[in-house]
Amino acid sequence: QARNFLLVGVPAQGCHPAFLALYPDFPKDSHNCLAPQNEIARAHAEQLLALVNDLGDLHPDATYTFLDLYATNVYVMDHAQDLGK
């Protein structure tokens, strides 16, 4: 019986080169990525985290871990100068 679960979110989709090429006129965010796509990815991460927390409450004998790729992407973009040294 499985008791350990890893749930993985989606990265900042609005920064994907294919989306940037397909939708050059969409509004951009502070990272010069597509704002609408990144808002969807951010909302997805928020809702998936809530689900992971609910699952933990429902099944305390299991371990649920959420890997937030959206937050990871944003962190790397925000700290690119420091991380690139």
Protein backbone atom coordinates (compact mmCIF):
# COMPACT_ATOMS: atom_id res chain seq x y z
CA GLN A 1 0.00 0.00 0.00
CA ALA A 2 1.43 3.37 -1.03
CA ARG A 3 1.94 5.84 1.79
CA ASN A 4 4.31 8.39 0.29
CA PHE A 5 3.21 10.66 -2.53
CA LEU A 6 4.90 13.42 -4.51
CA LEU A 7 2.61 15.80 -6.34
CA VAL A 8 4.37 18.01 -8.87
CA GLY A 9 2.99 21.34 -10.05
CA VAL A 10 3.56 23.00 -13.39
CA PRO A 11 6.36 25.46 -14.11
CA ALA A 12 5.86 29.07 -15.19
CA GLN A 13 4.22 28.23 -18.53
CA GLY A 14 4.27 31.84 -19.70
CA CYS A 15 8.07 31.72 -19.88
CA HIS A 16 8.14 28.77 -22.26
CA PRO A 17 9.75 29.79 -25.56
CA ALA A 18 6.99 28.16 -27.63
CA PHE A 19 4.28 30.20 -25.89
CA LEU A 20 6.34 33.37 -26.20
CA ALA A 21 6.71 32.74 -29.93
CA LEU A 22 3.04 31.85 -30.45
CA TYR A 23 1.62 34.78 -28.47
CA PRO A 24 4.03 37.71 -28.87
CA ASP A 25 1.29 40.30 -28.28
CA PHE A 26 -0.01 38.90 -24.98
CA PRO A 27 0.63 41.01 -21.86
CA LYS A 28 3.97 40.35 -20.17
CA ASP A 29 4.76 40.12 -16.46
CA SER A 30 7.81 41.47 -14.62
CA HIS A 31 9.94 38.59 -15.97
CA ASN A 32 8.93 39.35 -19.57
CA CYS A 33 6.85 36.16 -19.62
CA LEU A 34 3.22 35.84 -20.67
CA ALA A 35 1.12 37.09 -17.76
CA PRO A 36 -2.11 35.13 -18.48
CA GLN A 37 -0.33 31.77 -18.72
CA ASN A 38 1.68 32.43 -15.58
CA GLU A 39 -1.43 33.45 -13.67
CA ILE A 40 -2.99 30.10 -14.57
CA ALA A 41 0.17 28.26 -13.43
CA ARG A 42 0.23 30.25 -10.17
CA ALA A 43 -3.44 29.52 -9.48
CA HIS A 44 -2.86 25.84 -10.26
CA ALA A 45 0.00 25.70 -7.74
CA GLU A 46 -2.12 27.40 -5.08
CA GLN A 47 -5.04 25.00 -5.57
CA LEU A 48 -2.82 21.91 -5.75
CA LEU A 49 -1.13 22.91 -2.48
CA ALA A 50 -4.56 23.24 -0.85
CA LEU A 51 -5.44 19.75 -2.15
CA VAL A 52 -2.19 18.30 -0.78
CA ASN A 53 -2.93 19.85 2.61
CA ASP A 54 -6.48 18.45 2.55
CA LEU A 55 -5.18 14.99 1.65
CA GLY A 56 -2.77 15.15 4.57
CA ASP A 57 -5.66 15.94 6.90
CA LEU A 58 -7.80 13.14 5.44
CA HIS A 59 -5.03 10.54 5.51
CA PRO A 60 -2.63 11.28 8.37
CA ASP A 61 -0.96 7.89 7.93
CA ALA A 62 0.38 8.96 4.52
CA THR A 63 2.96 11.54 3.51
CA TYR A 64 2.13 14.05 0.78
CA THR A 65 4.81 16.30 -0.65
CA PHE A 66 4.15 19.10 -3.11
CA LEU A 67 6.90 20.22 -5.49
CA ASP A 68 5.95 23.72 -6.58
CA LEU A 69 7.69 24.16 -9.92
CA TYR A 70 6.03 27.53 -10.50
CA ALA A 71 7.49 29.00 -7.29
CA THR A 72 10.84 27.41 -8.12
CA ASN A 73 10.88 29.04 -11.57
CA VAL A 74 9.96 32.43 -10.14
CA TYR A 75 12.63 32.13 -7.45
CA VAL A 76 15.29 31.34 -10.05
CA MET A 77 14.19 34.26 -12.24
CA ASP A 78 14.14 36.63 -9.24
CA HIS A 79 17.62 35.52 -8.10
CA ALA A 80 19.28 34.83 -11.43
CA GLN A 81 22.23 37.13 -10.74
CA ASP A 82 22.98 35.46 -7.40
CA LEU A 83 22.47 31.93 -8.68
CA GLY A 84 24.61 32.43 -11.78
CA LYS A 85 27.83 33.23 -9.91
